[in-house]
Protein backbone atom coordinates (compact mmCIF):
# COMPACT_ATOMS: atom_id res chain seq x y z
CA MET A 1 21.27 15.84 17.35
CA LYS A 2 18.56 13.19 17.03
CA ASN A 3 16.04 15.26 19.00
CA ASP A 4 16.90 18.38 17.00
CA ILE A 5 16.28 16.51 13.74
CA LEU A 6 12.96 15.18 15.01
CA ALA A 7 11.88 18.61 16.22
CA LEU A 8 12.69 20.29 12.90
CA ALA A 9 10.93 17.54 10.95
CA ALA A 10 7.86 17.84 13.18
CA ARG A 11 7.74 21.59 12.46
CA GLY A 12 7.97 20.95 8.73
CA ASP A 13 11.49 22.38 8.42
CA ILE A 14 12.68 19.63 6.09
CA ALA A 15 15.65 21.63 4.81
CA GLY A 16 16.87 22.31 8.34
CA ALA A 17 16.43 18.69 9.40
CA ALA A 18 18.22 17.46 6.28
CA ARG A 19 21.10 19.83 7.00
CA LEU A 20 21.58 18.26 10.43
CA VAL A 21 21.42 14.79 8.86
CA ARG A 22 24.24 15.75 6.49
CA GLU A 23 26.28 17.15 9.36
CA SER A 24 25.85 13.91 11.28
CA LEU A 25 26.80 11.83 8.25
CA ALA A 26 29.98 13.87 7.89
CA ARG A 27 30.88 12.77 11.43
CA GLY A 28 30.04 9.13 10.75
CA GLY A 29 26.29 9.22 11.37
CA ALA A 30 26.28 7.58 14.80
CA GLU A 31 23.47 9.88 15.99
CA LEU A 32 21.23 8.62 13.20
CA ARG A 33 21.30 4.98 14.29
CA ASP A 34 17.67 4.94 15.45
CA ILE A 35 16.32 7.23 12.73
CA ARG A 36 18.13 6.04 9.64
CA VAL A 37 15.02 5.59 7.47
CA LEU A 38 13.56 8.91 8.57
CA SER A 39 16.91 10.55 7.83
CA ALA A 40 16.96 9.05 4.35
CA HIS A 41 13.43 10.37 3.76
CA LEU A 42 14.47 13.84 4.91
CA LEU A 43 17.39 13.91 2.47
CA PHE A 44 15.10 12.66 -0.29
CA GLN A 45 12.51 15.36 0.37
CA ALA A 46 15.15 18.10 0.62
CA THR A 47 16.51 17.29 -2.85
CA PRO A 48 15.62 20.09 -5.31
CA TRP A 49 13.24 17.96 -7.37
CA ASP A 50 11.63 20.95 -9.09
CA GLU A 51 15.01 21.98 -10.43
CA ILE A 52 15.80 18.43 -11.51
CA SER A 53 12.44 18.16 -13.29
CA ALA A 54 13.10 21.46 -15.06
CA LEU A 55 16.26 19.96 -16.58
CA LEU A 56 14.49 16.86 -17.89
CA PRO A 57 11.96 16.43 -20.71
CA PRO A 58 8.46 17.31 -19.47
CA ASP A 59 6.78 14.71 -17.25
CA THR A 60 9.70 12.28 -17.32
CA ASN A 61 10.86 12.58 -13.72
CA GLY A 62 9.42 9.35 -12.37
CA VAL A 63 10.03 10.35 -8.75
CA VAL A 64 7.46 13.10 -9.26
CA THR A 65 5.08 11.63 -11.84
CA SER A 66 4.68 8.31 -10.00
CA GLY A 67 3.68 10.15 -6.86
CA LEU A 68 6.60 8.71 -4.85
CA LEU A 69 7.79 12.16 -3.81
CA ASN A 70 4.29 13.22 -2.81
CA SER A 71 3.69 10.02 -0.84
CA VAL A 72 7.00 10.29 1.04
CA ARG A 73 6.27 13.91 1.92
CA LYS A 74 2.80 13.09 3.22
CA GLY A 75 3.53 9.68 4.68
CA ARG A 76 0.56 8.06 2.92
CA PRO A 77 0.06 6.08 -0.31
CA LEU A 78 -0.98 8.81 -2.74
CA ASN A 79 -0.28 9.49 -6.40
CA ALA A 80 1.02 12.77 -7.78
CA GLN A 81 -2.54 14.14 -7.91
CA ASP A 82 -3.12 13.40 -4.19
CA GLU A 83 -5.45 10.52 -5.00
CA PRO A 84 -5.30 7.37 -2.83
CA ILE A 85 -3.47 4.34 -4.18
CA PRO A 86 -2.86 0.87 -2.72
CA TRP A 87 0.21 0.16 -0.66
CA PHE A 88 1.51 -2.21 -3.33
CA THR A 89 4.64 -1.91 -5.43
CA TYR A 90 4.33 0.57 -8.27
CA PRO A 91 4.63 -2.18 -10.92
CA ALA A 92 1.74 -4.04 -9.23
CA ILE A 93 -0.38 -0.88 -9.17
CA ASP A 94 0.35 -0.21 -12.84
CA PHE A 95 -0.62 -3.78 -13.75
CA LEU A 96 -3.87 -3.70 -11.80
CA ASP A 97 -4.74 -0.28 -13.22
CA SER A 98 -4.33 -1.72 -16.73
CA VAL A 99 -6.68 -4.69 -16.20
CA VAL A 100 -9.33 -3.46 -13.73
CA ARG A 101 -12.86 -3.21 -15.13
CA PRO A 102 -15.74 -1.00 -13.93
CA GLU A 103 -18.18 -3.92 -13.53
CA TRP A 104 -15.89 -5.85 -11.18
CA THR A 105 -16.67 -6.67 -7.54
CA VAL A 106 -13.78 -6.73 -5.06
CA PHE A 107 -13.27 -8.33 -1.65
CA GLU A 108 -10.41 -7.14 0.57
CA TRP A 109 -8.95 -8.46 3.78
CA GLY A 110 -7.40 -5.25 5.05
CA SER A 111 -8.59 -1.79 4.07
CA GLY A 112 -7.57 1.82 3.66
CA ASN A 113 -6.38 3.74 0.63
CA SER A 114 -6.63 0.56 -1.42
CA THR A 115 -10.37 0.46 -0.66
CA LEU A 116 -10.74 3.98 -2.01
CA TRP A 117 -8.66 3.12 -5.08
CA TRP A 118 -10.70 0.00 -5.91
CA SER A 119 -14.04 1.73 -5.28
CA ALA A 120 -13.13 4.48 -7.74
CA ARG A 121 -12.62 1.87 -10.46
CA THR A 122 -15.07 -0.96 -9.78
CA ALA A 123 -18.76 -1.52 -9.09
CA HIS A 124 -18.56 -2.67 -5.48
CA VAL A 125 -15.93 -3.28 -2.77
CA VAL A 126 -16.25 -5.23 0.46
CA SER A 127 -13.42 -4.85 2.95
CA VAL A 128 -12.84 -6.53 6.31
CA GLU A 129 -10.86 -5.08 9.21
CA ASP A 130 -9.91 -6.47 12.62
CA ASP A 131 -8.48 -3.23 14.02
CA ALA A 132 -11.37 -1.28 15.56
CA ALA A 133 -9.66 2.12 15.50
CA TRP A 134 -8.55 1.78 11.89
CA HIS A 135 -11.96 0.46 10.85
CA ALA A 136 -13.56 3.58 12.35
CA GLU A 137 -11.25 5.75 10.24
CA VAL A 138 -11.91 3.80 7.04
CA VAL A 139 -15.69 3.98 7.48
CA LYS A 140 -15.48 7.78 7.47
CA GLN A 141 -13.86 7.78 4.02
CA ILE A 142 -15.38 4.99 1.95
CA ARG A 143 -17.61 5.63 -1.03
CA PRO A 144 -21.27 4.57 -1.32
CA ASN A 145 -20.31 1.54 -3.43
CA SER A 146 -18.22 0.13 -0.57
CA ALA A 147 -18.91 -1.81 2.61
CA SER A 148 -16.42 -2.06 5.48
CA LEU A 149 -16.90 -4.90 7.96
CA PHE A 150 -15.35 -5.24 11.41
CA ARG A 151 -14.54 -8.83 12.33
CA GLN A 152 -12.05 -10.49 14.68
CA GLY A 153 -10.68 -13.97 15.23
CA SER A 154 -11.96 -16.65 12.87
CA ASP A 155 -14.86 -14.36 11.93
CA TYR A 156 -12.26 -12.21 10.17
CA PHE A 157 -11.08 -14.72 7.59
CA ASP A 158 -14.46 -16.46 7.48
CA ALA A 159 -16.28 -13.21 6.59
CA ILE A 160 -16.09 -14.05 2.90
CA ARG A 161 -18.08 -17.25 3.47
CA ALA A 162 -21.24 -15.12 3.81
CA TYR A 163 -21.15 -14.54 0.04
CA PRO A 164 -22.08 -17.02 -2.70
CA ASP A 165 -19.33 -18.88 -4.52
CA ALA A 166 -17.73 -17.04 -7.45
CA SER A 167 -18.93 -13.66 -6.10
CA PHE A 168 -15.74 -11.63 -6.56
CA ASP A 169 -13.60 -10.73 -9.54
CA VAL A 170 -10.71 -9.69 -7.27
CA ILE A 171 -9.84 -10.93 -3.80
CA VAL A 172 -7.13 -9.02 -1.95
CA ILE A 173 -5.23 -10.68 0.89
CA ASP A 174 -3.57 -7.78 2.67
CA GLY A 175 -4.48 -7.95 6.36
CA SER A 176 -4.29 -10.42 9.21
CA SER A 177 -4.37 -14.25 9.09
CA ARG A 178 -3.24 -14.28 5.46
CA ASN A 179 -2.68 -18.01 5.24
CA ASP A 180 -6.20 -18.66 6.55
CA CYS A 181 -7.58 -16.09 4.10
CA ALA A 182 -5.81 -17.84 1.23
CA ARG A 183 -7.51 -21.13 2.10
CA VAL A 184 -11.04 -19.73 1.91
CA ALA A 185 -10.53 -17.38 -1.05
CA PRO A 186 -10.68 -19.69 -4.11
CA ASP A 187 -14.31 -20.76 -3.77
CA LYS A 188 -15.43 -17.14 -3.77
CA LEU A 189 -13.40 -16.06 -6.81
CA ALA A 190 -15.19 -15.70 -10.13
CA PRO A 191 -13.77 -17.57 -13.14
CA GLY A 192 -10.84 -15.64 -14.55
CA GLY A 193 -10.54 -13.58 -11.37
CA LEU A 194 -7.44 -12.37 -9.55
CA ILE A 195 -6.13 -13.01 -6.06
CA VAL A 196 -3.78 -10.25 -4.90
CA PHE A 197 -1.56 -11.58 -2.09
CA ASP A 198 0.45 -8.66 -0.73
CA ASN A 199 3.92 -9.23 0.77
CA ALA A 200 3.92 -12.70 -0.71
CA ASP A 201 7.71 -12.85 -0.38
CA GLY A 202 7.41 -13.15 3.40
CA PRO A 203 8.30 -16.73 4.51
CA GLU A 204 5.50 -16.60 7.08
CA PHE A 205 3.08 -16.69 4.14
CA ASP A 206 4.58 -19.73 2.40
CA ALA A 207 1.71 -21.97 3.49
CA GLY A 208 -0.92 -19.73 1.95
CA GLN A 209 1.10 -19.33 -1.22
CA GLN A 210 1.62 -23.06 -1.58
CA PHE A 211 -2.08 -23.72 -1.02
CA LEU A 212 -3.02 -21.42 -3.90
CA ILE A 213 -0.37 -22.96 -6.16
CA ASP A 214 -1.71 -26.43 -5.31
CA GLN A 215 -5.16 -25.18 -6.36
CA GLY A 216 -3.76 -24.37 -9.80
CA TYR A 217 -3.14 -20.65 -9.44
CA TYR A 218 -0.19 -19.12 -11.25
CA ARG A 219 1.97 -16.70 -9.28
CA ILE A 220 3.18 -13.41 -10.78
CA ASP A 221 5.56 -11.33 -8.64
CA PHE A 222 5.84 -7.55 -8.87
CA TRP A 223 9.01 -6.09 -7.39
CA GLY A 224 9.82 -2.44 -6.87
CA LEU A 225 9.34 0.60 -4.70
CA ILE A 226 6.12 1.17 -2.77
CA PRO A 227 4.45 4.51 -1.94
CA SER A 228 5.77 6.39 1.11
CA TYR A 229 9.06 4.44 1.35
CA LEU A 230 12.45 4.43 -0.36
CA TYR A 231 13.14 0.70 0.03
């Protein structure tokens, strides 16, 4: 059953794969033990969302208008218009979209669709990656107002030290060595700037969080769904 579901999903037969998921659930779902999240995504995609949207007031089906359905179908953080968005919670994305300014300069530890999103809205973006294969992919996609650096080890979190103090309006901590990144970020943040610390609820990042709080930063949490996932 598991292999049949995977084969149908790989061929793009979402309806067929979802049917097998339902059959397994009717028997207790033991065959889905190792593919529970994938199975949930298949059921989600197989739901007749067009019909549901047709029954609702125009443009009020948040599953569609937020881009969640599109991102789950394509397995990447995209909005409903197929444009790249960060892999943050939707409330965090909405907040950032409401405050971002075109003259801003952004520094990111970690890169990808978020780099494309920031570069479409700000003057300049610098991102740092420590995964060579992923860095090669990002470089192919970035806009002219972006720079993507490849650094490893301490050179990764120290990359920001090459820039003058108060250089960046936004600093995004969303890659490796997040606690180390948090310790070197404040000096490089412009007055009134933002530090975006992704997955801040993880206990492994408590040290970095506490450091920023001790520096006088105020923490605002944004909870909710993220693109491409249902949990």
